[in-house]
């Protein structure tokens, strides 16, 4: 009778001990190590392994182990084919622990086939989002486990799910902390850099008139409209306006109006209240509120839909706004700088842009000259970008030669300063960081005639997949990264995948091996496939 009275208490006693360890420990590995002695006292097991289910990738990831276990269990993540993973999810959805043998090749512990143990207990852990993890408990040598033991394990699944959730939240907090520290370091580096006012190339040359007007209008709070071709430097001028204004200690927020989906424009610019639409799980400040006390750069303002133009007009009139789904009127103190490469005046005539908004934004218009209109700035700009490209490649600053400058001057630059920066960096990469290969970087573009103001995108350098193409017959890539990848693959093929040492890729390119590996990982270049290549 006494034994019968004590039997029902055993699972509860185990559950209480597991709850205690789950509540005491934050780290999942420490929690599992603390739970093992209690499990060993109540069950014929000696080791456990907790593996998280990575549903999107169909794989198992070992997150905690305790006791003597096979080293294969600690290696991961373990990939499963979709069919086996779907079967594992179906088994977990039953929310019942079960007994299995190591030799069964169960998907929950399939990587442990080298273990000599016989029986295991498998406990699916399910949270509010579905199957989350699998706990595998390995029996002691010679011991057997039964369905009664599986029912005992069912009693500890809930505290295990809580411990796993705590660990997930801990990892999320760690990631958020690292992101905040990285942002803090970036902000500190920006505070310690030289002022943008002192670093604008061409301030005393082709941009002299523009900068004189910037100096005039910066101390005021009137809206400024920046007009000019794509790549002419509108964002640089906007930063100069901010740095020379009384708002320099406030935020400078840039919003690309053309990159915001039409249905989200109001939410992004003016914010929203919790529950105002599906997915609005919390209140959110818009860009106007985030720029309060500073400057808001509305890049590509001509892309704003009509409804957003109406609300923008109200803010320009009295500085008031309402969040989406809100009824409270908010007031912000923001200086508006709008920028566009479109002909807004023509858009007003075509009734694609509000006339009253045009008058509000164009209180002080500034037209930025294209690079074609200020050729005297080309040598200084080329030297600036060459020095920056050399520093990025770790080979020291580079200097364009007179021949390089002649070739650059013969091109029409439809992409303006942005295109020039890309060409110089491309030339530095093609020159292995030791010189500028301007002719190769420009490709056949130097043979073109004068390009109109609204030209098509410029040509890019030829991909170098098998042999170096000539400057006059090379095909053109659409992205700088494609050219870099092609050049890296050519070098890797020449040195048969060797990175370090004599005749290695790092030595040929003139960069640090660690820097080269990091760059190749970023560009997804698999250098291992070139080893032993002819």
Protein backbone atom coordinates (compact mmCIF):
# COMPACT_ATOMS: atom_id res chain seq x y z
CA UNK A 1 0.00 0.00 0.00
CA UNK A 2 2.84 2.40 0.89
CA UNK A 3 4.58 1.70 -2.41
CA UNK A 4 1.32 2.32 -4.27
CA UNK A 5 0.89 5.65 -2.50
CA UNK A 6 4.44 6.76 -3.35
CA UNK A 7 4.39 5.82 -7.02
CA UNK A 8 2.17 8.72 -8.23
CA UNK A 9 4.38 11.21 -6.37
CA UNK A 10 7.56 10.27 -8.26
CA UNK A 11 6.76 12.12 -11.51
CA UNK A 12 5.66 15.20 -9.59
CA UNK A 13 8.88 15.19 -7.61
CA UNK A 14 10.89 15.01 -10.84
CA UNK A 15 8.84 17.81 -12.39
CA UNK A 16 9.43 20.06 -9.36
CA UNK A 17 13.17 19.49 -9.54
CA UNK A 18 13.22 20.27 -13.26
CA UNK A 19 11.14 23.43 -12.67
CA UNK A 20 13.63 24.53 -10.04
CA UNK A 21 16.60 24.17 -12.39
CA UNK A 22 14.74 25.81 -15.28
CA UNK A 23 13.98 28.81 -13.03
CA UNK A 24 17.48 29.11 -11.59
CA UNK A 25 19.49 29.05 -14.81
CA UNK A 26 19.31 31.48 -17.71
CA UNK A 27 21.70 29.73 -20.08
CA UNK A 28 20.22 26.55 -21.59
CA UNK A 29 23.49 24.61 -21.29
CA UNK A 30 23.71 25.35 -17.55
CA UNK A 31 20.06 24.42 -17.15
CA UNK A 32 20.55 21.04 -18.85
CA UNK A 33 23.64 20.32 -16.74
CA UNK A 34 21.65 21.10 -13.58
CA UNK A 35 18.73 18.90 -14.66
CA UNK A 36 20.80 15.80 -15.44
CA UNK A 37 21.37 14.65 -11.80
CA UNK A 38 17.61 14.81 -11.09
CA UNK A 39 16.84 12.88 -14.26
CA UNK A 40 19.47 10.24 -13.43
CA UNK A 41 17.88 9.70 -9.97
CA UNK A 42 14.42 9.14 -11.41
CA UNK A 43 15.14 7.52 -14.79
CA UNK A 44 17.60 4.86 -16.03
CA UNK A 45 19.49 7.34 -18.22
CA UNK A 46 23.01 8.78 -18.20
CA UNK A 47 23.12 11.50 -20.90
CA UNK A 48 20.85 13.93 -22.70
CA UNK A 49 20.98 16.07 -25.79
CA UNK A 50 18.68 19.00 -26.59
CA UNK A 51 18.36 19.93 -30.25
CA UNK A 52 16.42 22.88 -31.63
CA UNK A 53 14.28 22.45 -34.76
CA UNK A 54 15.24 24.89 -37.52
CA UNK A 55 12.04 24.55 -39.56
CA UNK A 56 12.88 26.91 -42.47
CA UNK A 57 16.16 25.07 -43.13
CA UNK A 58 14.93 21.51 -42.31
CA UNK A 59 17.72 20.86 -39.85
CA UNK A 60 18.49 20.10 -36.19
CA UNK A 61 20.80 22.30 -34.17
CA UNK A 62 22.38 20.99 -30.95
CA UNK A 63 21.96 23.64 -28.24
CA UNK A 64 22.81 21.71 -25.03
CA UNK A 65 24.32 18.41 -23.91
CA UNK A 66 24.93 16.79 -20.53
CA UNK A 67 26.60 13.55 -19.47
CA UNK A 68 28.82 11.23 -21.52
CA UNK A 69 27.73 11.45 -25.14
CA UNK A 70 29.09 10.82 -28.60
CA UNK A 71 31.00 13.79 -30.06
CA UNK A 72 28.92 13.48 -33.23
CA UNK A 73 25.99 14.93 -31.30
CA UNK A 74 27.86 18.15 -30.58
CA UNK A 75 28.54 18.79 -34.23
CA UNK A 76 25.88 20.60 -36.11
CA UNK A 77 23.66 21.74 -37.46
CA UNK A 78 22.46 18.42 -38.85
CA UNK A 79 20.72 18.66 -42.19
CA UNK A 80 17.73 16.41 -42.95
CA UNK A 81 16.00 15.82 -46.24
CA UNK A 82 12.53 17.47 -46.38
CA UNK A 83 10.67 14.16 -46.19
CA UNK A 84 12.41 12.99 -43.01
CA UNK A 85 12.10 16.43 -41.44
CA UNK A 86 8.37 16.51 -42.22
CA UNK A 87 8.02 13.11 -40.54
CA UNK A 88 9.85 14.42 -37.47
CA UNK A 89 7.53 17.44 -37.28
CA UNK A 90 4.50 15.14 -37.56
CA UNK A 91 5.85 12.98 -34.71
CA UNK A 92 6.50 16.07 -32.58
CA UNK A 93 3.00 17.39 -33.20
CA UNK A 94 1.61 14.44 -31.18
CA UNK A 95 3.23 15.99 -28.06
CA UNK A 96 4.00 12.55 -26.58
CA UNK A 97 7.36 11.14 -25.54
CA UNK A 98 8.31 7.74 -26.91
CA UNK A 99 10.88 4.95 -26.61
CA UNK A 100 13.26 4.14 -29.47
CA UNK A 101 16.48 2.31 -30.22
CA UNK A 102 19.67 3.97 -31.38
CA UNK A 103 19.76 1.65 -34.36
CA UNK A 104 16.32 2.82 -35.53
CA UNK A 105 17.84 5.78 -37.41
CA UNK A 106 15.18 8.03 -35.95
CA UNK A 107 15.32 11.55 -37.44
CA UNK A 108 15.40 13.00 -33.91
CA UNK A 109 18.83 11.45 -33.20
CA UNK A 110 19.93 10.07 -36.56
CA UNK A 111 23.44 11.52 -36.22
CA UNK A 112 24.11 9.39 -33.12
CA UNK A 113 24.26 6.03 -34.89
CA UNK A 114 27.82 5.42 -33.66
CA UNK A 115 26.65 5.28 -30.02
CA UNK A 116 26.81 1.88 -28.39
CA UNK A 117 23.79 2.55 -26.18
CA UNK A 118 20.57 0.71 -26.88
CA UNK A 119 17.46 2.55 -25.77
CA UNK A 120 16.62 6.23 -25.82
CA UNK A 121 13.70 8.38 -24.70
CA UNK A 122 12.63 11.08 -27.13
CA UNK A 123 10.57 14.04 -25.86
CA UNK A 124 9.17 16.57 -28.38
CA UNK A 125 9.06 20.15 -27.05
CA UNK A 126 6.27 22.25 -28.51
CA UNK A 127 5.63 25.94 -27.82
CA UNK A 128 2.90 28.34 -28.94
CA UNK A 129 4.41 28.52 -32.43
CA UNK A 130 4.61 24.75 -32.94
CA UNK A 131 7.40 22.12 -32.60
CA UNK A 132 10.46 23.85 -31.16
CA UNK A 133 12.98 21.20 -30.06
CA UNK A 134 13.62 17.54 -29.32
CA UNK A 135 15.11 16.18 -26.07
CA UNK A 136 16.87 12.82 -26.37
CA UNK A 137 17.74 10.91 -23.16
CA UNK A 138 20.17 7.97 -23.55
CA UNK A 139 19.75 4.94 -21.31
CA UNK A 140 22.58 3.58 -19.17
CA UNK A 141 24.46 0.56 -20.62
CA UNK A 142 22.40 -2.57 -20.06
CA UNK A 143 19.36 -0.63 -18.84
CA UNK A 144 16.06 -0.55 -20.66
CA UNK A 145 13.40 2.12 -20.75
CA UNK A 146 9.66 1.61 -20.92
CA UNK A 147 6.52 3.50 -21.79
CA UNK A 148 6.14 4.33 -18.10
CA UNK A 149 9.44 6.20 -18.27
CA UNK A 150 8.16 8.00 -21.37
CA UNK A 151 5.12 9.19 -19.40
CA UNK A 152 7.44 10.46 -16.66
CA UNK A 153 9.35 12.44 -19.30
CA UNK A 154 6.07 13.98 -20.52
CA UNK A 155 5.80 15.68 -17.12
CA UNK A 156 9.05 17.64 -17.61
CA UNK A 157 8.39 18.92 -21.13
CA UNK A 158 6.72 22.12 -19.96
CA UNK A 159 9.62 23.39 -17.82
CA UNK A 160 11.99 22.44 -20.65
CA UNK A 161 9.95 24.57 -23.06
CA UNK A 162 10.17 27.48 -20.61
CA UNK A 163 13.95 27.07 -20.29
CA UNK A 164 14.28 26.97 -24.08
CA UNK A 165 12.17 30.14 -24.42
CA UNK A 166 14.35 31.90 -21.83
CA UNK A 167 17.46 30.95 -23.77
CA UNK A 168 15.96 32.21 -27.03
CA UNK A 169 15.11 35.55 -25.43
CA UNK A 170 18.61 35.73 -23.99
CA UNK A 171 20.12 35.22 -27.45
CA UNK A 172 17.83 37.90 -28.89
CA UNK A 173 18.91 40.33 -26.16
CA UNK A 174 22.56 39.56 -26.87
CA UNK A 175 22.04 40.26 -30.58
CA UNK A 176 20.20 43.50 -29.83
CA UNK A 177 22.98 44.55 -27.46
CA UNK A 178 25.63 43.83 -30.08
CA UNK A 179 23.67 45.79 -32.68
CA UNK A 180 23.30 48.72 -30.27
CA UNK A 181 27.02 48.67 -29.49
CA UNK A 182 27.86 48.59 -33.20
CA UNK A 183 25.55 51.53 -33.85
CA UNK A 184 27.09 53.38 -30.92
CA UNK A 185 30.59 52.82 -32.30
CA UNK A 186 29.45 54.03 -35.72
CA UNK A 187 27.95 57.19 -34.23
CA UNK A 188 31.10 57.87 -32.19
CA UNK A 189 33.25 57.47 -35.30
CA UNK A 190 31.03 59.94 -37.12
CA UNK A 191 31.38 62.43 -34.26
CA UNK A 192 35.16 62.10 -34.37
CA UNK A 193 35.51 62.49 -38.15
CA UNK A 194 36.36 65.80 -39.84
CA UNK A 195 33.37 68.01 -40.51
CA UNK A 196 31.64 67.56 -43.84
CA UNK A 197 31.88 71.31 -44.26
CA UNK A 198 35.64 70.91 -44.72
CA UNK A 199 35.55 67.85 -47.00
CA UNK A 200 33.41 68.85 -49.99
CA UNK A 201 35.50 68.46 -53.12
CA UNK A 202 34.91 71.31 -55.55
CA UNK A 203 33.73 73.86 -53.00
CA UNK A 204 36.16 76.39 -54.46
CA UNK A 205 35.72 75.16 -58.03
CA UNK A 206 32.60 74.09 -59.88
CA UNK A 207 30.47 74.10 -56.72
CA UNK A 208 31.49 77.60 -55.63
CA UNK A 209 28.16 79.21 -56.48
CA UNK A 210 26.20 76.37 -54.91
CA UNK A 211 28.20 76.51 -51.68
CA UNK A 212 27.79 80.29 -51.47
CA UNK A 213 24.03 79.82 -51.56
CA UNK A 214 24.29 77.00 -49.04
CA UNK A 215 26.05 79.39 -46.68
CA UNK A 216 23.27 81.93 -47.21
CA UNK A 217 20.30 79.63 -46.61
CA UNK A 218 21.74 77.22 -44.01
CA UNK A 219 21.13 79.46 -40.93
CA UNK A 220 17.43 79.80 -41.84
CA UNK A 221 14.69 77.18 -41.46
CA UNK A 222 13.10 77.56 -44.90
CA UNK A 223 12.65 74.43 -47.03
CA UNK A 224 15.35 73.85 -49.64
CA UNK A 225 14.76 72.02 -52.92
CA UNK A 226 17.83 70.35 -54.45
CA UNK A 227 17.59 69.74 -58.18
CA UNK A 228 20.11 67.85 -60.25
CA UNK A 229 20.92 64.66 -62.08
CA UNK A 230 21.31 61.34 -60.33
CA UNK A 231 24.74 61.07 -58.72
CA UNK A 232 25.48 64.80 -58.76
CA UNK A 233 25.89 64.98 -54.97
CA UNK A 234 22.51 66.11 -53.64
CA UNK A 235 22.91 64.18 -50.40
CA UNK A 236 26.35 65.72 -49.80
CA UNK A 237 24.87 69.21 -50.18
CA UNK A 238 22.01 68.29 -47.85
CA UNK A 239 24.53 67.25 -45.21
CA UNK A 240 26.41 70.51 -45.70
CA UNK A 241 23.15 72.42 -45.15
CA UNK A 242 22.59 70.51 -41.93
CA UNK A 243 26.16 70.95 -40.67
CA UNK A 244 26.04 74.72 -41.21
CA UNK A 245 22.64 75.21 -39.61
CA UNK A 246 21.61 75.73 -36.00
CA UNK A 247 20.28 72.16 -36.10
CA UNK A 248 23.73 70.61 -36.50
CA UNK A 249 23.45 68.90 -33.07
CA UNK A 250 20.10 67.37 -34.03
CA UNK A 251 19.47 64.33 -36.22
CA UNK A 252 19.85 64.28 -39.98
CA UNK A 253 17.40 61.72 -41.35
CA UNK A 254 17.37 60.64 -45.00
CA UNK A 255 14.30 59.01 -46.51
CA UNK A 256 14.22 57.65 -50.06
CA UNK A 257 10.60 58.32 -50.99
CA UNK A 258 10.90 56.20 -54.12
CA UNK A 259 11.88 53.09 -52.14
CA UNK A 260 8.81 53.06 -49.86
CA UNK A 261 5.86 50.93 -51.06
CA UNK A 262 2.81 53.08 -51.76
CA UNK A 263 0.68 51.41 -49.09
CA UNK A 264 3.33 52.07 -46.42
CA UNK A 265 4.22 55.69 -47.20
CA UNK A 266 1.94 57.20 -44.53
CA UNK A 267 3.13 54.71 -41.89
CA UNK A 268 6.83 55.29 -42.69
CA UNK A 269 6.64 59.10 -42.83
CA UNK A 270 4.10 59.84 -40.12
CA UNK A 271 4.15 56.71 -37.92
CA UNK A 272 1.26 54.53 -36.77
CA UNK A 273 -0.55 53.50 -33.61
CA UNK A 274 -0.82 49.98 -32.31
CA UNK A 275 -3.58 48.01 -34.04
CA UNK A 276 -4.06 50.57 -36.80
CA UNK A 277 -3.60 47.83 -39.42
CA UNK A 278 -2.67 44.17 -39.65
CA UNK A 279 0.86 43.71 -38.35
CA UNK A 280 0.93 46.94 -36.31
CA UNK A 281 1.74 45.19 -33.03
CA UNK A 282 3.17 48.33 -31.43
CA UNK A 283 3.12 52.09 -31.88
CA UNK A 284 5.88 53.40 -34.15
CA UNK A 285 7.33 56.84 -34.70
CA UNK A 286 7.54 58.01 -38.30
CA UNK A 287 10.51 59.68 -39.96
CA UNK A 288 9.19 63.16 -39.17
CA UNK A 289 9.10 62.42 -35.43
CA UNK A 290 12.56 60.84 -35.57
CA UNK A 291 13.93 63.97 -37.23
CA UNK A 292 12.36 66.31 -34.65
CA UNK A 293 14.82 69.08 -33.85
CA UNK A 294 16.93 68.30 -36.91
CA UNK A 295 16.79 68.00 -40.69
CA UNK A 296 14.74 65.60 -42.82
CA UNK A 297 16.04 64.88 -46.33
CA UNK A 298 13.19 63.72 -48.58
CA UNK A 299 15.14 62.15 -51.42
CA UNK A 300 13.25 61.56 -54.69
CA UNK A 301 10.30 63.60 -53.39
CA UNK A 302 8.72 63.46 -56.83
CA UNK A 303 7.88 59.78 -56.21
CA UNK A 304 5.44 60.54 -53.36
CA UNK A 305 1.83 59.47 -54.07
CA UNK A 306 -0.92 62.10 -54.05
CA UNK A 307 -2.28 61.19 -50.60
CA UNK A 308 1.14 61.56 -48.99
CA UNK A 309 1.63 64.91 -50.75
CA UNK A 310 -1.49 66.25 -49.01
CA UNK A 311 -0.25 65.24 -45.57
CA UNK A 312 3.23 66.58 -46.31
CA UNK A 313 1.66 69.92 -47.23
CA UNK A 314 0.01 70.14 -43.81
CA UNK A 315 3.29 69.53 -41.99
CA UNK A 316 4.97 72.25 -44.03
CA UNK A 317 2.15 74.64 -43.15
CA UNK A 318 1.95 74.24 -39.36
CA UNK A 319 4.31 71.44 -38.31
CA UNK A 320 1.47 69.15 -37.18
CA UNK A 321 0.73 65.53 -38.05
CA UNK A 322 -1.31 62.54 -36.93
CA UNK A 323 -0.08 58.98 -36.87
CA UNK A 324 -1.93 56.39 -38.93
CA UNK A 325 -4.81 55.15 -36.80
CA UNK A 326 -4.29 57.92 -34.23
CA UNK A 327 -6.44 60.86 -33.23
CA UNK A 328 -3.88 62.91 -31.34
CA UNK A 329 -2.23 65.82 -33.16
CA UNK A 330 1.56 65.86 -32.82
CA UNK A 331 3.84 68.83 -33.47
CA UNK A 332 7.37 68.47 -34.84
CA UNK A 333 10.15 70.98 -35.48
CA UNK A 334 11.80 69.75 -38.66
CA UNK A 335 13.72 71.50 -41.42
CA UNK A 336 12.77 69.99 -44.80
CA UNK A 337 15.33 69.46 -47.55
CA UNK A 338 13.78 67.87 -50.64
CA UNK A 339 15.78 66.40 -53.52
CA UNK A 340 14.85 65.06 -56.91
CA UNK A 341 16.31 64.42 -60.36
CA UNK A 342 12.88 64.85 -61.98
CA UNK A 343 11.46 67.97 -63.58
CA UNK A 344 8.98 68.87 -60.84
CA UNK A 345 7.77 71.95 -62.69
CA UNK A 346 6.75 69.78 -65.64
CA UNK A 347 5.14 67.28 -63.25
CA UNK A 348 3.06 70.16 -61.83
CA UNK A 349 1.98 71.06 -65.36
CA UNK A 350 1.02 67.44 -65.98
CA UNK A 351 -0.90 67.38 -62.65
CA UNK A 352 1.33 64.61 -61.30
CA UNK A 353 2.63 66.79 -58.47
CA UNK A 354 0.62 69.22 -56.34
CA UNK A 355 1.17 72.84 -57.28
CA UNK A 356 0.73 74.11 -53.70
CA UNK A 357 3.31 71.58 -52.46
CA UNK A 358 5.70 72.72 -55.19
CA UNK A 359 5.47 76.31 -53.94
CA UNK A 360 6.09 75.16 -50.34
CA UNK A 361 9.14 73.08 -51.21
CA UNK A 362 10.77 75.44 -53.69
CA UNK A 363 11.17 78.39 -51.34
CA UNK A 364 14.92 78.19 -51.99
CA UNK A 365 15.76 75.95 -54.96
CA UNK A 366 19.35 74.92 -55.58
CA UNK A 367 20.40 73.36 -58.87
CA UNK A 368 23.51 71.19 -58.68
CA UNK A 369 25.66 71.21 -61.82
CA UNK A 370 26.48 67.89 -63.41
CA UNK A 371 30.06 66.66 -63.51
CA UNK A 372 30.16 67.56 -67.23
CA UNK A 373 29.53 71.20 -66.27
CA UNK A 374 32.44 71.39 -63.85
CA UNK A 375 35.39 69.60 -65.50
CA UNK A 376 37.83 71.61 -63.37
CA UNK A 377 36.81 69.44 -60.38
CA UNK A 378 37.55 66.14 -62.12
CA UNK A 379 41.27 65.87 -61.15
CA UNK A 380 40.56 66.63 -57.48
CA UNK A 381 37.61 64.23 -57.37
CA UNK A 382 39.63 61.49 -59.07
CA UNK A 383 42.50 61.94 -56.60
CA UNK A 384 40.06 61.85 -53.68
CA UNK A 385 38.38 58.62 -54.81
CA UNK A 386 41.71 57.01 -55.77
CA UNK A 387 43.12 57.62 -52.30
CA UNK A 388 39.97 56.18 -50.73
CA UNK A 389 39.99 53.11 -53.01
CA UNK A 390 43.63 52.40 -52.23
CA UNK A 391 42.96 52.59 -48.50
CA UNK A 392 40.02 50.21 -48.83
CA UNK A 393 42.16 47.65 -50.65
CA UNK A 394 44.85 47.91 -47.98
CA UNK A 395 47.55 48.97 -50.44
CA UNK A 396 47.89 52.63 -49.53
CA UNK A 397 46.58 55.69 -51.39
CA UNK A 398 46.67 55.71 -55.17
CA UNK A 399 47.25 58.69 -57.47
CA UNK A 400 45.82 59.04 -61.00
CA UNK A 401 48.42 59.72 -63.70
CA UNK A 402 48.07 62.49 -66.33
CA UNK A 403 47.08 59.80 -68.86
CA UNK A 404 44.39 58.55 -66.44
CA UNK A 405 43.03 62.08 -66.15
CA UNK A 406 42.96 62.50 -69.93
CA UNK A 407 40.93 59.32 -70.32
CA UNK A 408 38.55 60.38 -67.53
CA UNK A 409 38.10 63.82 -69.12
CA UNK A 410 37.13 62.26 -72.46
CA UNK A 411 34.07 60.58 -70.95
CA UNK A 412 30.65 62.29 -70.61
CA UNK A 413 29.80 60.92 -67.09
CA UNK A 414 26.03 60.42 -67.30
CA UNK A 415 26.20 59.00 -63.76
CA UNK A 416 28.11 62.05 -62.49
CA UNK A 417 30.20 61.88 -59.30
CA UNK A 418 28.68 58.58 -58.21
CA UNK A 419 29.74 56.97 -61.47
CA UNK A 420 33.22 58.48 -61.20
CA UNK A 421 33.65 56.98 -57.73
CA UNK A 422 32.61 53.54 -59.04
CA UNK A 423 34.97 53.74 -62.02
CA UNK A 424 37.95 54.75 -59.86
CA UNK A 425 37.32 51.92 -57.39
CA UNK A 426 36.93 49.50 -60.28
CA UNK A 427 40.21 50.74 -61.78
CA UNK A 428 41.96 50.22 -58.43
CA UNK A 429 40.69 46.64 -58.19
CA UNK A 430 41.72 45.85 -61.75
CA UNK A 431 45.14 47.28 -60.95
CA UNK A 432 45.52 44.92 -57.95
CA UNK A 433 45.56 47.90 -55.58
CA UNK A 434 48.94 49.04 -56.92
CA UNK A 435 47.82 51.25 -59.81
CA UNK A 436 44.72 52.48 -61.60
CA UNK A 437 43.58 50.64 -64.72
CA UNK A 438 41.33 53.45 -65.94
CA UNK A 439 41.12 52.28 -69.54
CA UNK A 440 39.97 48.81 -68.52
CA UNK A 441 37.58 50.26 -65.95
CA UNK A 442 35.92 52.48 -68.52
CA UNK A 443 35.75 49.69 -71.11
CA UNK A 444 34.53 50.98 -74.47
CA UNK A 445 32.75 53.94 -72.87
CA UNK A 446 35.56 56.36 -73.81
CA UNK A 447 34.65 55.83 -77.47
CA UNK A 448 31.17 57.23 -76.96
CA UNK A 449 30.15 60.69 -78.04
CA UNK A 450 28.69 63.33 -75.76
CA UNK A 451 25.94 61.95 -73.57
CA UNK A 452 22.74 63.92 -72.98
CA UNK A 453 21.75 64.99 -69.48
CA UNK A 454 19.30 62.12 -69.04
CA UNK A 455 21.47 59.37 -70.42
CA UNK A 456 21.06 55.69 -69.81
CA UNK A 457 23.14 54.04 -67.07
CA UNK A 458 26.87 53.87 -67.83
CA UNK A 459 28.76 50.85 -68.84
CA UNK A 460 30.58 48.67 -66.36
CA UNK A 461 33.86 46.80 -66.80
CA UNK A 462 34.07 43.46 -68.56
CA UNK A 463 33.78 40.29 -66.49
CA UNK A 464 37.10 38.45 -66.51
CA UNK A 465 36.02 34.83 -66.34
CA UNK A 466 38.68 33.09 -68.39
CA UNK A 467 41.16 35.57 -69.86
CA UNK A 468 41.64 39.34 -69.63
CA UNK A 469 39.46 40.94 -72.32
CA UNK A 470 40.64 43.91 -74.33
CA UNK A 471 39.34 47.36 -73.51
CA UNK A 472 37.71 47.74 -76.92
CA UNK A 473 35.83 44.44 -77.17
CA UNK A 474 34.95 43.58 -73.58
CA UNK A 475 31.35 42.83 -72.58
CA UNK A 476 30.01 45.00 -69.80
CA UNK A 477 28.65 43.91 -66.40
CA UNK A 478 25.84 45.71 -64.63
CA UNK A 479 27.33 45.66 -61.14
CA UNK A 480 30.72 46.43 -59.64
CA UNK A 481 30.51 43.32 -57.44
CA UNK A 482 30.21 41.14 -60.57
CA UNK A 483 33.50 42.54 -61.86
CA UNK A 484 35.20 42.01 -58.51
CA UNK A 485 33.98 38.41 -58.33
CA UNK A 486 35.15 37.69 -61.88
CA UNK A 487 38.60 39.14 -61.17
CA UNK A 488 38.94 37.23 -57.90
CA UNK A 489 37.96 33.98 -59.60
CA UNK A 490 40.53 34.55 -62.33
CA UNK A 491 43.28 35.09 -59.76
CA UNK A 492 42.13 32.06 -57.74
CA UNK A 493 42.19 29.94 -60.87
CA UNK A 494 45.74 31.08 -61.66
CA UNK A 495 47.00 30.24 -58.16
CA UNK A 496 44.84 27.08 -57.88
CA UNK A 497 42.89 28.28 -54.89
CA UNK A 498 45.94 29.14 -52.79
CA UNK A 499 45.27 32.15 -50.54
CA UNK A 500 48.43 32.63 -48.46
CA UNK A 501 52.12 32.17 -49.09
CA UNK A 502 54.26 32.70 -52.19
CA UNK A 503 52.21 33.07 -55.38
CA UNK A 504 49.01 33.01 -53.32
CA UNK A 505 46.00 35.12 -54.21
CA UNK A 506 46.65 37.52 -51.32
CA UNK A 507 50.19 38.20 -52.53
CA UNK A 508 49.09 38.65 -56.14
CA UNK A 509 46.33 41.08 -55.14
CA UNK A 510 48.53 42.84 -52.60
CA UNK A 511 46.10 42.48 -49.68
CA UNK A 512 46.12 40.81 -46.27
CA UNK A 513 44.96 37.15 -46.48
CA UNK A 514 42.36 37.69 -43.72
CA UNK A 515 41.03 40.77 -45.53
CA UNK A 516 40.81 38.79 -48.78
CA UNK A 517 38.93 35.91 -47.13
CA UNK A 518 36.48 38.33 -45.52
CA UNK A 519 35.86 40.03 -48.87
CA UNK A 520 35.33 36.69 -50.62
CA UNK A 521 32.90 35.52 -47.94
CA UNK A 522 30.92 38.75 -48.38
CA UNK A 523 30.81 38.23 -52.15
CA UNK A 524 30.08 34.47 -51.73
CA UNK A 525 33.21 33.40 -53.63
CA UNK A 526 33.91 29.71 -52.90
CA UNK A 527 37.67 29.59 -53.22
CA UNK A 528 37.85 25.91 -52.27
CA UNK A 529 36.54 24.84 -55.68
CA UNK A 530 39.65 26.26 -57.38
CA UNK A 531 42.09 24.04 -55.46
CA UNK A 532 43.88 21.73 -57.84
CA UNK A 533 42.29 23.38 -60.86
CA UNK A 534 44.44 23.21 -64.03
